[in-house]
Amino acid sequence: MSNTASPQLRHYPVTLFAIGMGMLGLTLAIHAAELTYRTEAYYSAYALWVSVALLAAVTLGYLAKIIRHPDAVKAEWNHPVRIAFFPAISISLLLLSAALLTDHKAIAGPLWWIGMALQGVLALSVISAWIGHRSFAPVHVSPAWFIPAVGNVIVPLAGVPLGHAELSWLFFSAGVMFWIVLLTLVINRLMFHDPLPGRLVPTLVILIAPPSVAFIAWTRLSGGVDSFGHILLSLAYVFALIVLTQAPKFMRLPFALSWWALSFPIAALSTASFLYGQELQSQSHIVIGTVLLVLLLTIVGGLLMRTAIAVRRGEICQPE
């Protein structure tokens, strides 16, 4: 790699893995729509391969950073905000496993084991850093801190169909517990401390993700929609409405990689709505899922275009 590329590589951010999360979330949402409307899985297959290509590109770039600039990776790990994005790596693998489950089960199984093990290591490491002697302040807390917890509740999505119910219960339980703990901390920070800095405002959408994914995981684990499932999906809609009240703030912000935080939570809520609609034959939830999917396609299309422009202009891998 050239010397001119090396400084940009040093600032290659771990937050780029949010692209993998968003694209694979889109893939699963499209697949849920295809199942609901009983159509061939053409579009989800296209989305899957685009997602794999983008995730591979992001992964190769970060591996190069690990090799060339391990000190910069360590600095990201020690960053009070970016540390929460490291589990996006394992989450992407778990989502990829879930996306491959239908047609490529032989690949999905090993990927799930790798993603599950990496998620366990990263989640424990992040939590250990949070409760250790690191100097965190309330201003460092943001909805991005939900990412490690969300990773845990994603484990059952492919884990249950693959026959790993006990491990799925373990991760689901940990994810729900830390979601509740972190929700208290995040709401406290949002209400009683300084507003989120501009780059982190889009992470407010992450509030939608934990209950949405937890609903899907709970449905897998319990075998259907019950009262607790109703509560989880209802909470997801409540947080979606809360985030909607903050939408005008988003319109005034310049583009940053944090905008990719919009994609996965909306994908998760769309998928959850389709799943509820399938389970209980609820046309209203199918309509909600469809509207969210259209919104998601619009958002992801815009994000891909804006990210490509930022890459061409050299705006991505820059020091903050």
C-alpha atoms as a PDB file:
ATOM      1  CA  MET A   1       0.000   0.000   0.000  1.00  0.00           C
ATOM      2  CA  SER A   2       1.322   3.438  -0.876  1.00  0.00           C
ATOM      3  CA  ASN A   3       2.490   5.968   1.688  1.00  0.00           C
ATOM      4  CA  THR A   4      -0.293   8.341   0.642  1.00  0.00           C
ATOM      5  CA  ALA A   5      -2.892   5.685   1.375  1.00  0.00           C
ATOM      6  CA  SER A   6      -1.396   4.820   4.774  1.00  0.00           C
ATOM      7  CA  PRO A   7      -2.598   7.977   6.611  1.00  0.00           C
ATOM      8  CA  GLN A   8      -6.128   7.345   5.373  1.00  0.00           C
ATOM      9  CA  LEU A   9      -5.851   3.700   6.461  1.00  0.00           C
ATOM     10  CA  ARG A  10      -4.834   4.845   9.943  1.00  0.00           C
ATOM     11  CA  HIS A  11      -8.179   6.652  10.216  1.00  0.00           C
ATOM     12  CA  TYR A  12     -10.231   3.821   8.688  1.00  0.00           C
ATOM     13  CA  PRO A  13     -13.083   3.723  11.244  1.00  0.00           C
ATOM     14  CA  VAL A  14     -14.620   0.656  12.844  1.00  0.00           C
ATOM     15  CA  THR A  15     -17.961   2.445  12.406  1.00  0.00           C
ATOM     16  CA  LEU A  16     -17.848   1.370   8.742  1.00  0.00           C
ATOM     17  CA  PHE A  17     -19.143  -2.026   9.879  1.00  0.00           C
ATOM     18  CA  ALA A  18     -22.490  -0.278  10.381  1.00  0.00           C
ATOM     19  CA  ILE A  19     -22.761  -0.509   6.576  1.00  0.00           C
ATOM     20  CA  GLY A  20     -22.659  -4.301   6.828  1.00  0.00           C
ATOM     21  CA  MET A  21     -25.318  -4.252   9.552  1.00  0.00           C
ATOM     22  CA  GLY A  22     -27.553  -1.967   7.518  1.00  0.00           C
ATOM     23  CA  MET A  23     -27.232  -3.883   4.258  1.00  0.00           C
ATOM     24  CA  LEU A  24     -27.785  -7.279   5.862  1.00  0.00           C
ATOM     25  CA  GLY A  25     -30.721  -5.858   7.802  1.00  0.00           C
ATOM     26  CA  LEU A  26     -32.141  -4.706   4.473  1.00  0.00           C
ATOM     27  CA  THR A  27     -31.602  -8.210   3.052  1.00  0.00           C
ATOM     28  CA  LEU A  28     -33.547  -9.798   5.914  1.00  0.00           C
ATOM     29  CA  ALA A  29     -36.343  -7.226   5.638  1.00  0.00           C
ATOM     30  CA  ILE A  30     -36.721  -7.887   1.903  1.00  0.00           C
ATOM     31  CA  HIS A  31     -36.761 -11.632   2.575  1.00  0.00           C
ATOM     32  CA  ALA A  32     -39.465 -11.145   5.218  1.00  0.00           C
ATOM     33  CA  ALA A  33     -41.524  -9.208   2.657  1.00  0.00           C
ATOM     34  CA  GLU A  34     -41.053 -11.977   0.086  1.00  0.00           C
ATOM     35  CA  LEU A  35     -42.268 -14.561   2.592  1.00  0.00           C
ATOM     36  CA  THR A  36     -45.242 -12.394   3.505  1.00  0.00           C
ATOM     37  CA  TYR A  37     -46.285 -11.736  -0.086  1.00  0.00           C
ATOM     38  CA  ARG A  38     -45.261 -15.267  -1.192  1.00  0.00           C
ATOM     39  CA  THR A  39     -43.003 -14.152  -4.015  1.00  0.00           C
ATOM     40  CA  GLU A  40     -39.743 -15.597  -5.294  1.00  0.00           C
ATOM     41  CA  ALA A  41     -36.649 -14.601  -3.313  1.00  0.00           C
ATOM     42  CA  TYR A  42     -35.006 -12.701  -6.167  1.00  0.00           C
ATOM     43  CA  TYR A  43     -34.547  -9.304  -4.610  1.00  0.00           C
ATOM     44  CA  SER A  44     -33.298 -10.583  -1.257  1.00  0.00           C
ATOM     45  CA  ALA A  45     -30.717 -12.693  -3.132  1.00  0.00           C
ATOM     46  CA  TYR A  46     -29.467  -9.595  -4.983  1.00  0.00           C
ATOM     47  CA  ALA A  47     -29.360  -7.619  -1.734  1.00  0.00           C
ATOM     48  CA  LEU A  48     -27.472 -10.454  -0.047  1.00  0.00           C
ATOM     49  CA  TRP A  49     -24.649 -10.514  -2.578  1.00  0.00           C
ATOM     50  CA  VAL A  50     -24.330  -6.725  -2.564  1.00  0.00           C
ATOM     51  CA  SER A  51     -24.198  -6.909   1.240  1.00  0.00           C
ATOM     52  CA  VAL A  52     -21.521  -9.613   1.149  1.00  0.00           C
ATOM     53  CA  ALA A  53     -19.426  -7.571  -1.283  1.00  0.00           C
ATOM     54  CA  LEU A  54     -19.643  -4.425   0.851  1.00  0.00           C
ATOM     55  CA  LEU A  55     -18.982  -6.316   4.083  1.00  0.00           C
ATOM     56  CA  ALA A  56     -15.968  -8.024   2.507  1.00  0.00           C
ATOM     57  CA  ALA A  57     -14.585  -4.673   1.349  1.00  0.00           C
ATOM     58  CA  VAL A  58     -15.025  -3.115   4.802  1.00  0.00           C
ATOM     59  CA  THR A  59     -13.480  -6.180   6.490  1.00  0.00           C
ATOM     60  CA  LEU A  60     -10.434  -6.229   4.207  1.00  0.00           C
ATOM     61  CA  GLY A  61      -9.882  -2.542   4.845  1.00  0.00           C
ATOM     62  CA  TYR A  62     -10.030  -2.982   8.610  1.00  0.00           C
ATOM     63  CA  LEU A  63      -7.776  -6.042   8.515  1.00  0.00           C
ATOM     64  CA  ALA A  64      -5.246  -3.909   6.651  1.00  0.00           C
ATOM     65  CA  LYS A  65      -5.540  -1.300   9.397  1.00  0.00           C
ATOM     66  CA  ILE A  66      -4.984  -3.944  12.080  1.00  0.00           C
ATOM     67  CA  ILE A  67      -1.790  -5.079  10.295  1.00  0.00           C
ATOM     68  CA  ARG A  68      -0.420  -1.647   9.383  1.00  0.00           C
ATOM     69  CA  HIS A  69      -1.654   0.482  12.285  1.00  0.00           C
ATOM     70  CA  PRO A  70      -2.393  -1.622  15.389  1.00  0.00           C
ATOM     71  CA  ASP A  71      -1.845   1.462  17.552  1.00  0.00           C
ATOM     72  CA  ALA A  72      -4.731   3.199  15.761  1.00  0.00           C
ATOM     73  CA  VAL A  73      -6.978   0.186  16.390  1.00  0.00           C
ATOM     74  CA  LYS A  74      -6.014   0.326  20.070  1.00  0.00           C
ATOM     75  CA  ALA A  75      -6.879   4.038  20.099  1.00  0.00           C
ATOM     76  CA  GLU A  76     -10.327   3.246  18.715  1.00  0.00           C
ATOM     77  CA  TRP A  77     -10.817   0.605  21.378  1.00  0.00           C
ATOM     78  CA  ASN A  78      -9.909   3.191  24.020  1.00  0.00           C
ATOM     79  CA  HIS A  79     -12.313   5.744  22.513  1.00  0.00           C
ATOM     80  CA  PRO A  80     -15.384   6.125  24.780  1.00  0.00           C
ATOM     81  CA  VAL A  81     -17.823   6.124  21.831  1.00  0.00           C
ATOM     82  CA  ARG A  82     -16.161   3.996  19.140  1.00  0.00           C
ATOM     83  CA  ILE A  83     -15.584   1.069  21.484  1.00  0.00           C
ATOM     84  CA  ALA A  84     -19.319   0.307  21.248  1.00  0.00           C
ATOM     85  CA  PHE A  85     -19.032  -0.195  17.468  1.00  0.00           C
ATOM     86  CA  PHE A  86     -16.609  -3.137  17.657  1.00  0.00           C
ATOM     87  CA  PRO A  87     -19.452  -5.658  18.175  1.00  0.00           C
ATOM     88  CA  ALA A  88     -20.821  -4.465  14.815  1.00  0.00           C
ATOM     89  CA  ILE A  89     -18.226  -6.876  13.397  1.00  0.00           C
ATOM     90  CA  SER A  90     -19.733  -9.923  15.107  1.00  0.00           C
ATOM     91  CA  ILE A  91     -23.274  -8.651  14.520  1.00  0.00           C
ATOM     92  CA  SER A  92     -22.568  -8.513  10.784  1.00  0.00           C
ATOM     93  CA  LEU A  93     -21.431 -12.151  10.854  1.00  0.00           C
ATOM     94  CA  LEU A  94     -24.540 -13.214  12.796  1.00  0.00           C
ATOM     95  CA  LEU A  95     -26.804 -11.342  10.376  1.00  0.00           C
ATOM     96  CA  LEU A  96     -24.978 -12.903   7.445  1.00  0.00           C
ATOM     97  CA  SER A  97     -25.567 -16.327   8.980  1.00  0.00           C
ATOM     98  CA  ALA A  98     -29.290 -15.565   9.308  1.00  0.00           C
ATOM     99  CA  ALA A  99     -29.435 -14.307   5.713  1.00  0.00           C
ATOM    100  CA  LEU A 100     -27.727 -17.451   4.403  1.00  0.00           C
ATOM    101  CA  LEU A 101     -29.841 -19.823   6.478  1.00  0.00           C
ATOM    102  CA  THR A 102     -32.534 -20.575   3.880  1.00  0.00           C
ATOM    103  CA  ASP A 103     -30.415 -21.458   0.845  1.00  0.00           C
ATOM    104  CA  HIS A 104     -26.897 -21.931   2.222  1.00  0.00           C
ATOM    105  CA  LYS A 105     -27.287 -23.693   5.578  1.00  0.00           C
ATOM    106  CA  ALA A 106     -23.895 -25.403   5.293  1.00  0.00           C
ATOM    107  CA  ILE A 107     -22.238 -21.961   5.274  1.00  0.00           C
ATOM    108  CA  ALA A 108     -24.623 -20.395   7.779  1.00  0.00           C
ATOM    109  CA  GLY A 109     -23.731 -22.894  10.514  1.00  0.00           C
ATOM    110  CA  PRO A 110     -19.960 -22.216  10.730  1.00  0.00           C
ATOM    111  CA  LEU A 111     -20.548 -18.476  10.310  1.00  0.00           C
ATOM    112  CA  TRP A 112     -22.969 -18.538  13.245  1.00  0.00           C
ATOM    113  CA  TRP A 113     -20.395 -20.248  15.463  1.00  0.00           C
ATOM    114  CA  ILE A 114     -17.742 -17.683  14.535  1.00  0.00           C
ATOM    115  CA  GLY A 115     -20.133 -14.759  14.981  1.00  0.00           C
ATOM    116  CA  MET A 116     -21.505 -16.112  18.265  1.00  0.00           C
ATOM    117  CA  ALA A 117     -18.044 -16.685  19.751  1.00  0.00           C
ATOM    118  CA  LEU A 118     -16.785 -13.280  18.585  1.00  0.00           C
ATOM    119  CA  GLN A 119     -19.923 -11.600  19.913  1.00  0.00           C
ATOM    120  CA  GLY A 120     -19.380 -13.194  23.309  1.00  0.00           C
ATOM    121  CA  VAL A 121     -15.756 -12.073  23.447  1.00  0.00           C
ATOM    122  CA  LEU A 122     -16.478  -8.526  22.253  1.00  0.00           C
ATOM    123  CA  ALA A 123     -19.549  -8.053  24.461  1.00  0.00           C
ATOM    124  CA  LEU A 124     -17.665  -9.207  27.561  1.00  0.00           C
ATOM    125  CA  SER A 125     -14.655  -7.065  26.639  1.00  0.00           C
ATOM    126  CA  VAL A 126     -16.759  -3.931  26.104  1.00  0.00           C
ATOM    127  CA  ILE A 127     -18.692  -4.469  29.339  1.00  0.00           C
ATOM    128  CA  SER A 128     -15.426  -5.097  31.178  1.00  0.00           C
ATOM    129  CA  ALA A 129     -14.114  -1.767  29.857  1.00  0.00           C
ATOM    130  CA  TRP A 130     -17.324  -0.006  30.925  1.00  0.00           C
ATOM    131  CA  ILE A 131     -17.194  -1.271  34.508  1.00  0.00           C
ATOM    132  CA  GLY A 132     -13.401  -1.158  34.827  1.00  0.00           C
ATOM    133  CA  HIS A 133     -11.191   1.788  35.626  1.00  0.00           C
ATOM    134  CA  ARG A 134     -11.721   3.600  32.344  1.00  0.00           C
ATOM    135  CA  SER A 135     -12.725   7.270  32.625  1.00  0.00           C
ATOM    136  CA  PHE A 136     -16.247   7.356  31.193  1.00  0.00           C
ATOM    137  CA  ALA A 137     -18.503  10.340  31.788  1.00  0.00           C
ATOM    138  CA  PRO A 138     -22.254  10.779  31.159  1.00  0.00           C
ATOM    139  CA  VAL A 139     -21.437  12.826  28.052  1.00  0.00           C
ATOM    140  CA  HIS A 140     -19.850   9.713  26.510  1.00  0.00           C
ATOM    141  CA  VAL A 141     -23.065   7.700  26.766  1.00  0.00           C
ATOM    142  CA  SER A 142     -25.080   7.504  23.543  1.00  0.00           C
ATOM    143  CA  PRO A 143     -27.573   5.121  21.908  1.00  0.00           C
ATOM    144  CA  ALA A 144     -24.554   3.537  20.177  1.00  0.00           C
ATOM    145  CA  TRP A 145     -23.936   1.804  23.505  1.00  0.00           C
ATOM    146  CA  PHE A 146     -26.893  -0.440  22.666  1.00  0.00           C
ATOM    147  CA  ILE A 147     -24.893  -2.141  19.905  1.00  0.00           C
ATOM    148  CA  PRO A 148     -23.248  -4.794  22.141  1.00  0.00           C
ATOM    149  CA  ALA A 149     -26.637  -5.631  23.700  1.00  0.00           C
ATOM    150  CA  VAL A 150     -28.326  -5.809  20.283  1.00  0.00           C
ATOM    151  CA  GLY A 151     -25.637  -8.241  19.161  1.00  0.00           C
ATOM    152  CA  ASN A 152     -26.591 -10.641  21.929  1.00  0.00           C
ATOM    153  CA  VAL A 153     -30.279 -10.784  20.994  1.00  0.00           C
ATOM    154  CA  ILE A 154     -29.368 -11.393  17.338  1.00  0.00           C
ATOM    155  CA  VAL A 155     -27.773 -14.744  18.232  1.00  0.00           C
ATOM    156  CA  PRO A 156     -31.127 -16.648  18.327  1.00  0.00           C
ATOM    157  CA  LEU A 157     -32.136 -15.511  14.812  1.00  0.00           C
ATOM    158  CA  ALA A 158     -30.028 -18.246  13.237  1.00  0.00           C
ATOM    159  CA  GLY A 159     -29.117 -20.037  16.465  1.00  0.00           C
ATOM    160  CA  VAL A 160     -32.573 -21.503  17.076  1.00  0.00           C
ATOM    161  CA  PRO A 161     -33.127 -22.809  13.509  1.00  0.00           C
ATOM    162  CA  LEU A 162     -29.614 -24.286  13.610  1.00  0.00           C
ATOM    163  CA  GLY A 163     -30.485 -26.192  16.793  1.00  0.00           C
ATOM    164  CA  HIS A 164     -28.535 -24.163  19.358  1.00  0.00           C
ATOM    165  CA  ALA A 165     -31.403 -23.222  21.677  1.00  0.00           C
ATOM    166  CA  GLU A 166     -29.461 -23.176  24.966  1.00  0.00           C
ATOM    167  CA  LEU A 167     -26.772 -20.817  23.693  1.00  0.00           C
ATOM    168  CA  SER A 168     -29.485 -18.695  22.102  1.00  0.00           C
ATOM    169  CA  TRP A 169     -31.293 -18.394  25.452  1.00  0.00           C
ATOM    170  CA  LEU A 170     -28.013 -17.442  27.139  1.00  0.00           C
ATOM    171  CA  PHE A 171     -27.273 -14.604  24.735  1.00  0.00           C
ATOM    172  CA  PHE A 172     -30.895 -13.456  24.580  1.00  0.00           C
ATOM    173  CA  SER A 173     -31.101 -13.215  28.371  1.00  0.00           C
ATOM    174  CA  ALA A 174     -27.860 -11.213  28.558  1.00  0.00           C
ATOM    175  CA  GLY A 175     -28.984  -8.931  25.740  1.00  0.00           C
ATOM    176  CA  VAL A 176     -32.366  -8.114  27.270  1.00  0.00           C
ATOM    177  CA  MET A 177     -30.833  -7.494  30.701  1.00  0.00           C
ATOM    178  CA  PHE A 178     -28.184  -5.095  29.394  1.00  0.00           C
ATOM    179  CA  TRP A 179     -30.718  -3.409  27.116  1.00  0.00           C
ATOM    180  CA  ILE A 180     -32.758  -2.478  30.206  1.00  0.00           C
ATOM    181  CA  VAL A 181     -29.663  -1.290  32.084  1.00  0.00           C
ATOM    182  CA  LEU A 182     -28.337   0.723  29.138  1.00  0.00           C
ATOM    183  CA  LEU A 183     -31.763   2.141  28.354  1.00  0.00           C
ATOM    184  CA  THR A 184     -31.814   3.699  31.831  1.00  0.00           C
ATOM    185  CA  LEU A 185     -28.362   5.190  31.321  1.00  0.00           C
ATOM    186  CA  VAL A 186     -29.113   6.491  27.826  1.00  0.00           C
ATOM    187  CA  ILE A 187     -32.437   8.094  28.771  1.00  0.00           C
ATOM    188  CA  ASN A 188     -30.765   9.712  31.773  1.00  0.00           C
ATOM    189  CA  ARG A 189     -28.039  11.110  29.493  1.00  0.00           C
ATOM    190  CA  LEU A 190     -30.532  12.393  26.915  1.00  0.00           C
ATOM    191  CA  MET A 191     -32.750  14.079  29.490  1.00  0.00           C
ATOM    192  CA  PHE A 192     -30.342  15.497  32.055  1.00  0.00           C
ATOM    193  CA  HIS A 193     -27.084  16.187  30.241  1.00  0.00           C
ATOM    194  CA  ASP A 194     -25.826  18.098  27.206  1.00  0.00           C
ATOM    195  CA  PRO A 195     -27.471  17.301  23.850  1.00  0.00           C
ATOM    196  CA  LEU A 196     -25.825  14.717  21.639  1.00  0.00           C
ATOM    197  CA  PRO A 197     -23.139  16.167  19.352  1.00  0.00           C
ATOM    198  CA  GLY A 198     -24.223  16.489  15.723  1.00  0.00           C
ATOM    199  CA  ARG A 199     -22.426  13.361  14.493  1.00  0.00           C
ATOM    200  CA  LEU A 200     -24.170  11.217  17.103  1.00  0.00           C
ATOM    201  CA  VAL A 201     -27.720  12.540  16.661  1.00  0.00           C
ATOM    202  CA  PRO A 202     -28.569   9.867  14.025  1.00  0.00           C
ATOM    203  CA  THR A 203     -27.737   7.184  16.612  1.00  0.00           C
ATOM    204  CA  LEU A 204     -31.038   8.060  18.312  1.00  0.00           C
ATOM    205  CA  VAL A 205     -32.630   5.691  15.787  1.00  0.00           C
ATOM    206  CA  ILE A 206     -30.768   2.820  17.492  1.00  0.00           C
ATOM    207  CA  LEU A 207     -33.368   3.100  20.271  1.00  0.00           C
ATOM    208  CA  ILE A 208     -35.696   1.183  17.924  1.00  0.00           C
ATOM    209  CA  ALA A 209     -33.367  -1.766  17.368  1.00  0.00           C
ATOM    210  CA  PRO A 210     -33.245  -3.657  20.709  1.00  0.00           C
ATOM    211  CA  PRO A 211     -37.001  -4.290  21.128  1.00  0.00           C
ATOM    212  CA  SER A 212     -37.424  -4.971  17.398  1.00  0.00           C
ATOM    213  CA  VAL A 213     -34.693  -7.613  17.287  1.00  0.00           C
ATOM    214  CA  ALA A 214     -35.718  -8.967  20.688  1.00  0.00           C
ATOM    215  CA  PHE A 215     -39.249  -9.536  19.334  1.00  0.00           C
ATOM    216  CA  ILE A 216     -37.909 -11.550  16.389  1.00  0.00           C
ATOM    217  CA  ALA A 217     -35.583 -13.529  18.673  1.00  0.00           C
ATOM    218  CA  TRP A 218     -38.330 -14.148  21.244  1.00  0.00           C
ATOM    219  CA  THR A 219     -40.638 -15.438  18.522  1.00  0.00           C
ATOM    220  CA  ARG A 220     -37.918 -17.882  17.476  1.00  0.00           C
ATOM    221  CA  LEU A 221     -37.286 -19.005  21.052  1.00  0.00           C
ATOM    222  CA  SER A 222     -40.909 -19.273  22.199  1.00  0.00           C
ATOM    223  CA  GLY A 223     -42.291 -20.655  18.952  1.00  0.00           C
ATOM    224  CA  GLY A 224     -44.793 -17.873  18.309  1.00  0.00           C
ATOM    225  CA  VAL A 225     -46.165 -14.505  19.377  1.00  0.00           C
ATOM    226  CA  ASP A 226     -47.293 -14.305  23.002  1.00  0.00           C
ATOM    227  CA  SER A 227     -47.909 -11.506  25.512  1.00  0.00           C
ATOM    228  CA  PHE A 228     -44.215 -10.747  26.005  1.00  0.00           C
ATOM    229  CA  GLY A 229     -43.773 -10.594  22.247  1.00  0.00           C
ATOM    230  CA  HIS A 230     -46.631  -8.092  22.054  1.00  0.00           C
ATOM    231  CA  ILE A 231     -44.868  -5.936  24.637  1.00  0.00           C
ATOM    232  CA  LEU A 232     -41.557  -6.011  22.775  1.00  0.00           C
ATOM    233  CA  LEU A 233     -43.052  -5.048  19.414  1.00  0.00           C
ATOM    234  CA  SER A 234     -45.206  -2.360  21.012  1.00  0.00           C
ATOM    235  CA  LEU A 235     -42.105  -0.902  22.669  1.00  0.00           C
ATOM    236  CA  ALA A 236     -40.381  -0.858  19.292  1.00  0.00           C
ATOM    237  CA  TYR A 237     -43.255   1.188  17.857  1.00  0.00           C
ATOM    238  CA  VAL A 238     -43.162   3.527  20.875  1.00  0.00           C
ATOM    239  CA  PHE A 239     -39.451   4.203  20.363  1.00  0.00           C
ATOM    240  CA  ALA A 240     -40.059   4.684  16.647  1.00  0.00           C
ATOM    241  CA  LEU A 241     -42.599   7.406  17.456  1.00  0.00           C
ATOM    242  CA  ILE A 242     -40.183   9.021  19.913  1.00  0.00           C
ATOM    243  CA  VAL A 243     -37.450   9.059  17.263  1.00  0.00           C
ATOM    244  CA  LEU A 244     -39.934  10.490  14.759  1.00  0.00           C
ATOM    245  CA  THR A 245     -40.364  13.552  16.989  1.00  0.00           C
ATOM    246  CA  GLN A 246     -36.629  14.202  16.579  1.00  0.00           C
ATOM    247  CA  ALA A 247     -36.626  13.786  12.790  1.00  0.00           C
ATOM    248  CA  PRO A 248     -36.433  17.560  12.069  1.00  0.00           C
ATOM    249  CA  LYS A 249     -33.006  17.608  13.759  1.00  0.00           C
ATOM    250  CA  PHE A 250     -31.709  15.026  11.297  1.00  0.00           C
ATOM    251  CA  MET A 251     -32.549  17.183   8.296  1.00  0.00           C
ATOM    252  CA  ARG A 252     -30.192  19.929   9.426  1.00  0.00           C
ATOM    253  CA  LEU A 253     -27.147  17.681   9.862  1.00  0.00           C
ATOM    254  CA  PRO A 254     -24.318  17.142   7.348  1.00  0.00           C
ATOM    255  CA  PHE A 255     -23.596  13.595   6.219  1.00  0.00           C
ATOM    256  CA  ALA A 256     -21.410  11.386   8.430  1.00  0.00           C
ATOM    257  CA  LEU A 257     -20.946   7.641   8.737  1.00  0.00           C
ATOM    258  CA  SER A 258     -23.211   7.768  11.793  1.00  0.00           C
ATOM    259  CA  TRP A 259     -26.113   8.223   9.356  1.00  0.00           C
ATOM    260  CA  TRP A 260     -25.857   4.488   8.685  1.00  0.00           C
ATOM    261  CA  ALA A 261     -27.346   4.097  12.170  1.00  0.00           C
ATOM    262  CA  LEU A 262     -30.719   4.791  10.523  1.00  0.00           C
ATOM    263  CA  SER A 263     -30.642   1.641   8.406  1.00  0.00           C
ATOM    264  CA  PHE A 264     -30.489  -1.394  10.687  1.00  0.00           C
ATOM    265  CA  PRO A 265     -33.112  -0.305  13.273  1.00  0.00           C
ATOM    266  CA  ILE A 266     -35.669   0.462  10.555  1.00  0.00           C
ATOM    267  CA  ALA A 267     -34.840  -2.860   8.880  1.00  0.00           C
ATOM    268  CA  ALA A 268     -35.345  -4.687  12.183  1.00  0.00           C
ATOM    269  CA  LEU A 269     -38.715  -3.000  12.797  1.00  0.00           C
ATOM    270  CA  SER A 270     -39.847  -3.757   9.246  1.00  0.00           C
ATOM    271  CA  THR A 271     -38.869  -7.420   9.639  1.00  0.00           C
ATOM    272  CA  ALA A 272     -40.579  -7.617  13.041  1.00  0.00           C
ATOM    273  CA  SER A 273     -43.763  -6.106  11.592  1.00  0.00           C
ATOM    274  CA  PHE A 274     -43.803  -8.611   8.725  1.00  0.00           C
ATOM    275  CA  LEU A 275     -43.210 -11.466  11.161  1.00  0.00           C
ATOM    276  CA  TYR A 276     -46.082 -10.347  13.385  1.00  0.00           C
ATOM    277  CA  GLY A 277     -48.296  -9.972  10.332  1.00  0.00           C
ATOM    278  CA  GLN A 278     -47.454 -13.515   9.206  1.00  0.00           C
ATOM    279  CA  GLU A 279     -47.947 -15.080  12.639  1.00  0.00           C
ATOM    280  CA  LEU A 280     -51.292 -13.434  13.431  1.00  0.00           C
ATOM    281  CA  GLN A 281     -52.546 -12.632   9.913  1.00  0.00           C
ATOM    282  CA  SER A 282     -52.565  -8.937  10.750  1.00  0.00           C
ATOM    283  CA  GLN A 283     -52.916  -6.865   7.590  1.00  0.00           C
ATOM    284  CA  SER A 284     -52.221  -3.639   9.462  1.00  0.00           C
ATOM    285  CA  HIS A 285     -48.804  -4.915  10.556  1.00  0.00           C
ATOM    286  CA  ILE A 286     -48.049  -6.084   7.025  1.00  0.00           C
ATOM    287  CA  VAL A 287     -48.859  -2.575   5.795  1.00  0.00           C
ATOM    288  CA  ILE A 288     -46.574  -1.099   8.467  1.00  0.00           C
ATOM    289  CA  GLY A 289     -43.801  -3.480   7.457  1.00  0.00           C
ATOM    290  CA  THR A 290     -44.251  -2.545   3.803  1.00  0.00           C
ATOM    291  CA  VAL A 291     -44.182   1.200   4.484  1.00  0.00           C
ATOM    292  CA  LEU A 292     -41.056   0.775   6.608  1.00  0.00           C
ATOM    293  CA  LEU A 293     -39.418  -1.295   3.878  1.00  0.00           C
ATOM    294  CA  VAL A 294     -40.079   1.408   1.282  1.00  0.00           C
ATOM    295  CA  LEU A 295     -38.642   3.978   3.693  1.00  0.00           C
ATOM    296  CA  LEU A 296     -35.652   1.707   4.309  1.00  0.00           C
ATOM    297  CA  LEU A 297     -34.965   1.276   0.587  1.00  0.00           C
ATOM    298  CA  THR A 298     -35.048   5.045   0.156  1.00  0.00           C
ATOM    299  CA  ILE A 299     -32.708   5.588   3.112  1.00  0.00           C
ATOM    300  CA  VAL A 300     -30.216   2.898   2.083  1.00  0.00           C
ATOM    301  CA  GLY A 301     -30.190   4.133  -1.508  1.00  0.00           C
ATOM    302  CA  GLY A 302     -29.414   7.642  -0.289  1.00  0.00           C
ATOM    303  CA  LEU A 303     -26.765   6.401   2.137  1.00  0.00           C
ATOM    304  CA  LEU A 304     -25.001   4.349  -0.528  1.00  0.00           C
ATOM    305  CA  MET A 305     -24.946   7.312  -2.887  1.00  0.00           C
ATOM    306  CA  ARG A 306     -23.788   9.753  -0.227  1.00  0.00           C
ATOM    307  CA  THR A 307     -21.120   7.343   1.060  1.00  0.00           C
ATOM    308  CA  ALA A 308     -19.790   6.831  -2.473  1.00  0.00           C
ATOM    309  CA  ILE A 309     -19.539  10.602  -2.909  1.00  0.00           C
ATOM    310  CA  ALA A 310     -17.742  10.928   0.440  1.00  0.00           C
ATOM    311  CA  VAL A 311     -15.278   8.173  -0.518  1.00  0.00           C
ATOM    312  CA  ARG A 312     -14.558   9.854  -3.860  1.00  0.00           C
ATOM    313  CA  ARG A 313     -13.931  13.159  -2.098  1.00  0.00           C
ATOM    314  CA  GLY A 314     -11.721  11.534   0.531  1.00  0.00           C
ATOM    315  CA  GLU A 315     -14.030  12.569   3.373  1.00  0.00           C
ATOM    316  CA  ILE A 316     -14.358   9.181   5.091  1.00  0.00           C
ATOM    317  CA  CYS A 317     -10.957   8.201   6.490  1.00  0.00           C
ATOM    318  CA  GLN A 318     -10.093  11.522   8.086  1.00  0.00           C
ATOM    319  CA  PRO A 319      -9.100  12.392  11.685  1.00  0.00           C
ATOM    320  CA  GLU A 320     -11.931  13.792  13.795  1.00  0.00           C
END
